[in-house]
Amino acid sequence: MPLPRTRGTALRQQLAELRGPDTAPKALDARALAALAANPGCDRRALLDGVGVDKAKLADAIGSPSAFGMSQFAFMRGNAFEARVKADGGAELLRLVHERLDPGAEPPGAGAAPDLSAIGPEGRTARTELALREATGAGVWTLLDHPMLALDVAGSPAFLEPDAVVVHPDGDWTVVEIKSFPMLDGSADPAKVGAAARQSAVYVLALEEVAARLDPAPEVHHRILLVCPKDFSNLPAASAVDVRKQRAVTRRQLARLTRVEDIAAALPEGICFSPGLPAEELITAVEAVPATYAPECLSACELAFHCRARSRAEGAVTSLGRSLRAELGSLTTVPDVLAAARGKAGDPEDPAVAALRRAALLRAEALRGTAATPLAPAGEPRVPAAAVSDGREAGACR
């Protein structure tokens, strides 16, 4: 008599059925986990990533191929800049860490750089943990170049490879993220810095799991070092970035992924995301999972073009941006917003509705050059301009 399946076994079987029996799961990396933190309300992304679906292949199969990624030129430029930053055993990189994050420590001299090579991701992860353990008690600056870390995601390990991890003389650990976008006059593009912070927060979480296994546990700094080209040169410039907020969001998202079966339980029977299925069947499967589209998805999710088309077809205000969606409150579609602005719908006591009607009135005034009458529903008489001028003459300055 076969043994009953445990809860974990049943979940893995369910995820395999959703993915397709002959489809290997796609491993999550730091960029994918960071994208989850960027859009925490999207059930579609949470489920597909938790199941291990290759979203790029799925997007191709449904006729909405993704078109983002790093060009070959940008990739080569990034590699050349990283090599420059880590030249001479990482002397310049250690100097930047000392200057920006730990000026009270002794200046770095010839720092240690242990060999992290091993067979397979599991072997590299074990070698990295051993090197961290040894460096923590060594009392010298140590640079770990491209270490391998493991983070549990929905019961499976996700192998992560940060650009570098620095161990301070006091045993503390710092994540270093090297990017090829420029830092102009000491500051960089906020959107790109935010993406780098979310990605680094994933590495911080993985390092914290390693630190928790040591006794005593070393401190993993919540400020990471972001290294970018200075202005338009190839010289490195660095800035300390606090990732506590991103780390908290990512931790919540990972906890949500462990309950991916709750999302899967609400799906109709027979749903499968195998790229080999007909496009119509795959579109039905994708649409069965609720999505929360925002313009930021275009740079982070392979299904963004499909979700954008559906969002626009439904008139969802989220397609115009999350900040606008937050301002509009209960008005969730563009037709609702237009109807509220024209006075055809909406509660006049709602601040969002009141602001829309006032904006429509001001726009009409600007177009006509005179005090405008409030927009009234079709077939109803318009309110005279004198009735809305607060007792002042039409055309008066307000």
Protein backbone atom coordinates (compact mmCIF):
# COMPACT_ATOMS: atom_id res chain seq x y z
CA MET A 1 0.00 0.00 0.00
CA PRO A 2 1.61 3.33 -1.05
CA LEU A 3 2.39 5.86 1.65
CA PRO A 4 0.15 8.96 1.73
CA ARG A 5 1.66 12.06 0.17
CA THR A 6 2.87 14.69 2.59
CA ARG A 7 1.82 18.33 2.26
CA GLY A 8 5.17 19.26 0.70
CA THR A 9 5.00 16.37 -1.77
CA ALA A 10 1.42 17.27 -2.72
CA LEU A 11 2.44 20.91 -3.30
CA ARG A 12 5.39 19.94 -5.51
CA GLN A 13 3.08 17.65 -7.50
CA GLN A 14 0.55 20.46 -7.93
CA LEU A 15 3.23 22.89 -9.08
CA ALA A 16 4.59 20.32 -11.53
CA GLU A 17 1.10 19.87 -13.01
CA LEU A 18 0.71 23.64 -13.46
CA ARG A 19 4.15 23.90 -15.05
CA GLY A 20 3.69 20.90 -17.29
CA PRO A 21 4.85 17.33 -16.60
CA ASP A 22 7.75 17.52 -19.06
CA THR A 23 8.85 21.08 -18.24
CA ALA A 24 11.78 21.65 -15.90
CA PRO A 25 11.30 24.47 -13.37
CA LYS A 26 13.10 27.73 -14.05
CA ALA A 27 15.26 28.70 -11.08
CA LEU A 28 14.67 32.11 -9.55
CA ASP A 29 17.53 34.58 -9.49
CA ALA A 30 18.05 37.86 -7.65
CA ARG A 31 16.52 39.95 -10.45
CA ALA A 32 13.33 37.89 -10.42
CA LEU A 33 13.04 38.06 -6.64
CA ALA A 34 13.67 41.82 -6.75
CA ALA A 35 10.92 42.19 -9.36
CA LEU A 36 8.52 40.44 -6.96
CA ALA A 37 9.29 43.11 -4.39
CA ALA A 38 8.69 45.82 -7.00
CA ASN A 39 5.13 44.61 -7.62
CA PRO A 40 3.94 42.83 -4.46
CA GLY A 41 0.26 42.84 -5.41
CA CYS A 42 0.54 40.75 -8.59
CA ASP A 43 -0.78 37.21 -8.04
CA ARG A 44 0.11 36.27 -11.62
CA ARG A 45 3.81 36.94 -11.16
CA ALA A 46 3.87 35.33 -7.70
CA LEU A 47 2.28 32.13 -9.00
CA LEU A 48 4.32 31.81 -12.18
CA ASP A 49 7.59 32.43 -10.37
CA GLY A 50 6.61 30.10 -7.54
CA VAL A 51 5.70 27.37 -10.02
CA GLY A 52 8.95 27.86 -11.93
CA VAL A 53 7.42 28.85 -15.27
CA ASP A 54 9.77 30.34 -17.85
CA LYS A 55 7.85 33.56 -18.47
CA ALA A 56 9.90 34.48 -21.54
CA LYS A 57 8.88 31.27 -23.31
CA LEU A 58 5.29 31.70 -22.10
CA ALA A 59 5.18 35.25 -23.49
CA ASP A 60 6.45 34.01 -26.85
CA ALA A 61 3.85 31.23 -26.90
CA ILE A 62 0.92 33.62 -26.33
CA GLY A 63 2.13 36.09 -28.97
CA SER A 64 3.41 38.85 -26.64
CA PRO A 65 7.19 38.37 -26.63
CA SER A 66 9.23 40.34 -24.14
CA ALA A 67 11.63 42.92 -25.49
CA PHE A 68 13.72 44.02 -22.54
CA GLY A 69 17.21 43.04 -21.51
CA MET A 70 20.80 44.24 -21.62
CA SER A 71 22.41 44.87 -24.99
CA GLN A 72 25.66 43.14 -25.83
CA PHE A 73 27.46 46.48 -25.78
CA ALA A 74 26.11 47.34 -22.31
CA PHE A 75 27.00 43.86 -21.09
CA MET A 76 30.60 44.20 -22.27
CA ARG A 77 30.89 47.70 -20.84
CA GLY A 78 29.58 46.50 -17.49
CA ASN A 79 32.06 43.62 -17.39
CA ALA A 80 34.95 45.96 -18.23
CA PHE A 81 33.95 48.39 -15.48
CA GLU A 82 33.59 45.60 -12.91
CA ALA A 83 37.02 44.26 -13.81
CA ARG A 84 38.50 47.72 -13.30
CA VAL A 85 36.83 48.10 -9.89
CA LYS A 86 38.15 44.70 -8.75
CA ALA A 87 41.66 45.10 -10.18
CA ASP A 88 44.72 44.63 -7.94
CA GLY A 89 42.96 42.24 -5.63
CA GLY A 90 40.04 44.62 -5.11
CA ALA A 91 42.20 47.35 -3.52
CA GLU A 92 40.04 50.20 -4.87
CA LEU A 93 36.84 48.42 -3.93
CA LEU A 94 38.02 47.84 -0.36
CA ARG A 95 39.05 51.49 -0.15
CA LEU A 96 35.56 52.59 -1.17
CA VAL A 97 33.94 50.29 1.41
CA HIS A 98 36.25 51.69 4.10
CA GLU A 99 35.58 55.28 3.04
CA ARG A 100 31.80 55.05 2.70
CA LEU A 101 30.77 52.44 5.27
CA ASP A 102 33.49 51.86 7.86
CA PRO A 103 35.83 54.88 8.16
CA GLY A 104 36.59 54.03 11.79
CA ALA A 105 38.26 50.74 10.90
CA GLU A 106 41.90 50.40 9.99
CA PRO A 107 42.56 51.28 6.33
CA PRO A 108 42.65 48.23 4.08
CA GLY A 109 46.02 47.10 2.89
CA ALA A 110 46.49 43.95 0.88
CA GLY A 111 43.11 42.35 1.60
CA ALA A 112 42.49 38.65 1.39
CA ALA A 113 40.65 37.21 -1.64
CA PRO A 114 39.86 33.52 -1.08
CA ASP A 115 39.30 31.15 -3.97
CA LEU A 116 35.58 30.31 -4.22
CA SER A 117 35.71 27.87 -7.13
CA ALA A 118 33.87 24.55 -6.71
CA ILE A 119 31.79 22.12 -8.76
CA GLY A 120 28.15 23.08 -9.25
CA PRO A 121 26.07 25.73 -7.45
CA GLU A 122 25.75 23.55 -4.33
CA GLY A 123 29.53 23.17 -4.13
CA ARG A 124 30.10 26.91 -4.65
CA THR A 125 27.51 27.71 -1.98
CA ALA A 126 29.26 25.46 0.52
CA ARG A 127 32.66 26.92 -0.39
CA THR A 128 31.32 30.46 0.04
CA GLU A 129 29.91 29.68 3.49
CA LEU A 130 33.24 28.19 4.56
CA ALA A 131 35.11 31.26 3.27
CA LEU A 132 32.74 33.58 5.14
CA ARG A 133 33.20 31.59 8.31
CA GLU A 134 37.00 31.75 8.03
CA ALA A 135 37.10 35.45 7.08
CA THR A 136 34.84 36.45 9.98
CA GLY A 137 37.42 35.39 12.52
CA ALA A 138 40.51 36.45 10.56
CA GLY A 139 40.35 40.13 11.55
CA VAL A 140 41.40 41.48 8.12
CA TRP A 141 39.63 43.00 5.14
CA THR A 142 38.44 40.18 2.88
CA LEU A 143 36.88 40.40 -0.57
CA LEU A 144 34.68 37.55 -1.84
CA ASP A 145 34.43 37.94 -5.60
CA HIS A 146 31.16 36.57 -7.00
CA PRO A 147 30.25 34.32 -4.06
CA MET A 148 27.35 31.91 -4.37
CA LEU A 149 24.48 32.15 -1.88
CA ALA A 150 21.33 30.04 -1.49
CA LEU A 151 17.93 31.36 -0.44
CA ASP A 152 14.92 29.15 0.23
CA VAL A 153 12.04 30.13 -2.08
CA ALA A 154 8.79 28.18 -1.85
CA GLY A 155 10.66 25.15 -0.51
CA SER A 156 13.37 25.15 -3.19
CA PRO A 157 16.82 26.77 -3.11
CA ALA A 158 17.41 29.81 -5.33
CA PHE A 159 21.13 30.26 -6.05
CA LEU A 160 22.22 33.90 -6.02
CA GLU A 161 25.51 35.46 -7.11
CA PRO A 162 26.21 39.00 -5.86
CA ASP A 163 29.01 41.00 -7.44
CA ALA A 164 30.98 40.95 -4.20
CA VAL A 165 30.75 40.57 -0.44
CA VAL A 166 33.25 42.33 1.83
CA VAL A 167 34.10 41.05 5.32
CA HIS A 168 35.27 43.86 7.62
CA PRO A 169 38.08 43.45 10.18
CA ASP A 170 35.46 43.32 12.96
CA GLY A 171 33.68 40.43 11.19
CA ASP A 172 30.72 42.38 9.74
CA TRP A 173 29.56 41.64 6.18
CA THR A 174 28.65 44.11 3.41
CA VAL A 175 27.07 43.47 0.01
CA VAL A 176 28.64 45.31 -2.94
CA GLU A 177 26.61 45.94 -6.10
CA ILE A 178 28.45 47.15 -9.22
CA LYS A 179 26.39 48.79 -11.96
CA SER A 180 27.33 50.38 -15.27
CA PHE A 181 24.88 53.32 -15.16
CA PRO A 182 26.64 56.63 -14.35
CA MET A 183 26.68 58.54 -11.08
CA LEU A 184 26.48 62.21 -12.11
CA ASP A 185 27.58 64.79 -9.53
CA GLY A 186 27.32 62.19 -6.80
CA SER A 187 23.82 60.93 -7.63
CA ALA A 188 22.35 58.40 -10.05
CA ASP A 189 18.97 57.74 -11.66
CA PRO A 190 16.58 57.09 -8.72
CA ALA A 191 14.69 54.38 -10.61
CA LYS A 192 17.91 52.47 -11.36
CA VAL A 193 19.16 52.94 -7.80
CA GLY A 194 15.84 51.57 -6.51
CA ALA A 195 16.15 48.49 -8.74
CA ALA A 196 19.71 47.94 -7.51
CA ALA A 197 18.54 48.30 -3.90
CA ARG A 198 15.81 45.69 -4.37
CA GLN A 199 18.28 43.28 -5.95
CA SER A 200 20.82 43.86 -3.16
CA ALA A 201 18.14 43.30 -0.52
CA VAL A 202 17.78 39.74 -1.83
CA TYR A 203 21.51 39.18 -1.27
CA VAL A 204 21.26 40.65 2.23
CA LEU A 205 18.47 38.20 3.09
CA ALA A 206 20.55 35.27 1.82
CA LEU A 207 23.60 36.46 3.80
CA GLU A 208 21.50 36.75 6.94
CA GLU A 209 20.55 33.08 6.60
CA VAL A 210 24.25 32.17 6.43
CA ALA A 211 25.09 34.44 9.39
CA ALA A 212 22.34 32.85 11.49
CA ARG A 213 24.16 29.50 11.25
CA LEU A 214 27.35 30.93 12.80
CA ASP A 215 28.01 31.35 16.52
CA PRO A 216 28.30 34.18 17.27
CA ALA A 217 26.33 35.49 14.29
CA PRO A 218 28.11 38.33 12.47
CA GLU A 219 26.20 41.47 11.52
CA VAL A 220 25.07 41.85 7.92
CA HIS A 221 25.03 45.58 7.16
CA HIS A 222 21.68 46.96 6.02
CA ARG A 223 23.57 49.56 3.97
CA ILE A 224 25.07 48.19 0.79
CA LEU A 225 27.76 49.81 -1.35
CA LEU A 226 26.61 50.80 -4.84
CA VAL A 227 29.53 51.36 -7.22
CA CYS A 228 28.97 53.14 -10.55
CA PRO A 229 31.08 55.01 -13.13
CA LYS A 230 31.80 58.57 -12.08
CA ASP A 231 30.15 61.07 -14.42
CA PHE A 232 31.05 59.98 -17.98
CA SER A 233 34.36 58.35 -17.14
CA ASN A 234 35.31 54.78 -16.31
CA LEU A 235 36.46 55.74 -12.79
CA PRO A 236 34.46 54.24 -9.91
CA ALA A 237 32.26 56.28 -7.60
CA ALA A 238 30.42 54.77 -4.65
CA SER A 239 27.40 55.50 -2.50
CA ALA A 240 25.95 53.78 0.56
CA VAL A 241 22.32 52.71 0.01
CA ASP A 242 20.03 51.69 2.87
CA VAL A 243 18.02 48.61 1.82
CA ARG A 244 16.00 47.97 5.00
CA LYS A 245 12.70 48.86 3.33
CA GLN A 246 13.41 46.69 0.28
CA ARG A 247 14.56 43.83 2.53
CA ALA A 248 11.30 43.93 4.50
CA VAL A 249 9.18 43.95 1.32
CA THR A 250 11.17 41.08 -0.18
CA ARG A 251 10.84 39.03 3.01
CA ARG A 252 7.06 39.48 2.92
CA GLN A 253 6.97 38.45 -0.73
CA LEU A 254 8.99 35.32 -0.05
CA ALA A 255 6.62 34.40 2.76
CA ARG A 256 3.76 34.94 0.32
CA LEU A 257 5.41 32.65 -2.21
CA THR A 258 5.45 29.82 0.32
CA ARG A 259 1.65 30.02 0.23
CA VAL A 260 1.49 29.86 -3.55
CA GLU A 261 -0.86 26.89 -3.17
CA ASP A 262 -3.53 29.34 -1.96
CA ILE A 263 -3.40 31.13 -5.31
CA ALA A 264 -3.29 27.84 -7.21
CA ALA A 265 -6.29 26.51 -5.29
CA ALA A 266 -8.50 29.23 -6.78
CA LEU A 267 -7.68 28.22 -10.37
CA PRO A 268 -10.07 26.18 -12.53
CA GLU A 269 -9.32 22.51 -13.04
CA GLY A 270 -6.92 21.59 -15.82
CA ILE A 271 -4.98 24.87 -15.92
CA CYS A 272 -1.45 24.39 -17.26
CA PHE A 273 1.26 26.86 -18.33
CA SER A 274 3.36 24.53 -20.49
CA PRO A 275 4.70 26.55 -23.48
CA GLY A 276 3.89 23.63 -25.78
CA LEU A 277 0.12 24.11 -25.44
CA PRO A 278 -1.97 26.04 -28.00
CA ALA A 279 -1.86 29.83 -27.63
CA GLU A 280 -5.60 30.09 -26.89
CA GLU A 281 -5.33 27.61 -24.04
CA LEU A 282 -2.29 29.38 -22.60
CA ILE A 283 -4.00 32.78 -22.77
CA THR A 284 -6.96 31.32 -20.88
CA ALA A 285 -4.60 29.93 -18.25
CA VAL A 286 -2.75 33.24 -17.86
CA GLU A 287 -5.97 35.24 -17.64
CA ALA A 288 -7.26 32.90 -14.91
CA VAL A 289 -4.68 34.39 -12.52
CA PRO A 290 -5.33 38.00 -11.39
CA ALA A 291 -2.64 40.50 -12.36
CA THR A 292 -1.75 43.99 -11.17
CA TYR A 293 -0.12 45.80 -14.08
CA ALA A 294 1.90 48.99 -13.72
CA PRO A 295 4.23 50.73 -16.20
CA GLU A 296 7.22 49.61 -14.11
CA CYS A 297 6.47 46.03 -15.17
CA LEU A 298 7.82 46.78 -18.66
CA SER A 299 11.38 46.70 -17.30
CA ALA A 300 10.93 43.76 -14.94
CA CYS A 301 8.48 41.16 -16.26
CA GLU A 302 8.41 39.14 -19.47
CA LEU A 303 4.59 39.17 -19.55
CA ALA A 304 4.36 42.97 -19.29
CA PHE A 305 3.22 43.54 -22.90
CA HIS A 306 0.39 41.04 -22.55
CA CYS A 307 -0.73 42.50 -19.21
CA ARG A 308 -0.49 46.06 -20.54
CA ALA A 309 -2.72 45.25 -23.50
CA ARG A 310 -5.34 43.68 -21.20
CA SER A 311 -5.10 46.56 -18.73
CA ARG A 312 -5.64 49.12 -21.47
CA ALA A 313 -8.53 47.14 -22.93
CA GLU A 314 -10.21 47.12 -19.52
CA GLY A 315 -9.52 50.83 -19.03
CA ALA A 316 -7.71 50.20 -15.73
CA VAL A 317 -6.10 53.30 -14.24
CA THR A 318 -3.13 51.23 -13.05
CA SER A 319 -1.89 51.29 -16.64
CA LEU A 320 -1.23 55.00 -16.06
CA GLY A 321 0.90 54.46 -12.96
CA ARG A 322 0.59 53.41 -9.31
CA SER A 323 0.78 56.96 -7.96
CA LEU A 324 -2.23 58.00 -10.04
CA ARG A 325 -4.10 54.87 -8.98
CA ALA A 326 -3.51 55.76 -5.34
CA GLU A 327 -4.83 59.30 -5.86
CA LEU A 328 -8.08 58.13 -7.47
CA GLY A 329 -9.27 55.95 -4.58
CA SER A 330 -12.38 53.98 -5.51
CA LEU A 331 -12.26 55.05 -9.17
CA THR A 332 -10.53 52.09 -10.80
CA THR A 333 -11.21 52.56 -14.53
CA VAL A 334 -10.68 55.42 -16.95
CA PRO A 335 -14.42 55.57 -17.88
CA ASP A 336 -15.24 55.91 -14.16
CA VAL A 337 -12.76 58.76 -13.86
CA LEU A 338 -14.15 60.59 -16.90
CA ALA A 339 -17.74 60.10 -15.73
CA ALA A 340 -16.84 61.48 -12.29
CA ALA A 341 -15.11 64.51 -13.84
CA ARG A 342 -18.18 65.25 -16.00
CA GLY A 343 -20.58 64.95 -13.07
CA LYS A 344 -22.26 61.83 -14.42
CA ALA A 345 -21.15 59.52 -11.61
CA GLY A 346 -19.32 59.48 -8.32
CA ASP A 347 -20.00 60.73 -4.80
CA PRO A 348 -19.55 64.51 -4.65
CA GLU A 349 -18.25 64.10 -1.09
CA ASP A 350 -15.42 61.90 -2.32
CA PRO A 351 -12.23 64.03 -2.36
CA ALA A 352 -11.05 62.37 -5.57
CA VAL A 353 -14.36 63.09 -7.32
CA ALA A 354 -14.38 66.69 -6.06
CA ALA A 355 -10.81 67.21 -7.27
CA LEU A 356 -11.63 65.77 -10.71
CA ARG A 357 -14.67 68.02 -11.14
CA ARG A 358 -12.69 71.07 -10.06
CA ALA A 359 -9.91 70.13 -12.50
CA ALA A 360 -12.44 69.74 -15.32
CA LEU A 361 -13.88 73.16 -14.51
CA LEU A 362 -10.45 74.81 -14.49
CA ARG A 363 -9.58 73.12 -17.78
CA ALA A 364 -12.76 74.42 -19.39
CA GLU A 365 -12.00 77.92 -18.11
CA ALA A 366 -8.49 77.79 -19.53
CA LEU A 367 -9.73 76.61 -22.95
CA ARG A 368 -12.49 79.22 -23.17
CA GLY A 369 -10.63 82.08 -21.55
CA THR A 370 -13.65 82.81 -19.34
CA ALA A 371 -15.22 81.41 -16.21
CA ALA A 372 -16.57 78.02 -17.25
CA THR A 373 -19.79 76.40 -16.24
CA PRO A 374 -19.66 73.08 -14.40
CA LEU A 375 -19.87 70.04 -16.67
CA ALA A 376 -23.33 68.56 -16.39
CA PRO A 377 -24.67 65.22 -17.59
CA ALA A 378 -26.01 65.12 -21.12
CA GLY A 379 -29.56 66.39 -21.36
CA GLU A 380 -29.38 68.43 -18.14
CA PRO A 381 -29.13 72.23 -18.08
CA ARG A 382 -25.71 73.66 -17.32
CA VAL A 383 -25.24 75.79 -14.22
CA PRO A 384 -24.78 79.45 -15.15
CA ALA A 385 -21.27 80.83 -14.77
CA ALA A 386 -22.47 83.34 -12.18
CA ALA A 387 -23.60 80.46 -9.95
CA VAL A 388 -20.12 79.01 -9.74
CA SER A 389 -18.10 82.24 -9.47
CA ASP A 390 -18.50 82.56 -5.68
CA GLY A 391 -20.35 85.83 -6.19
CA ARG A 392 -17.69 87.36 -8.41
CA GLU A 393 -18.03 88.38 -12.01
CA ALA A 394 -17.44 85.86 -14.75
CA GLY A 395 -13.84 85.85 -15.86
CA ALA A 396 -12.56 87.21 -12.56
CA CYS A 397 -9.27 85.96 -11.24
CA ARG A 398 -9.68 83.16 -8.68
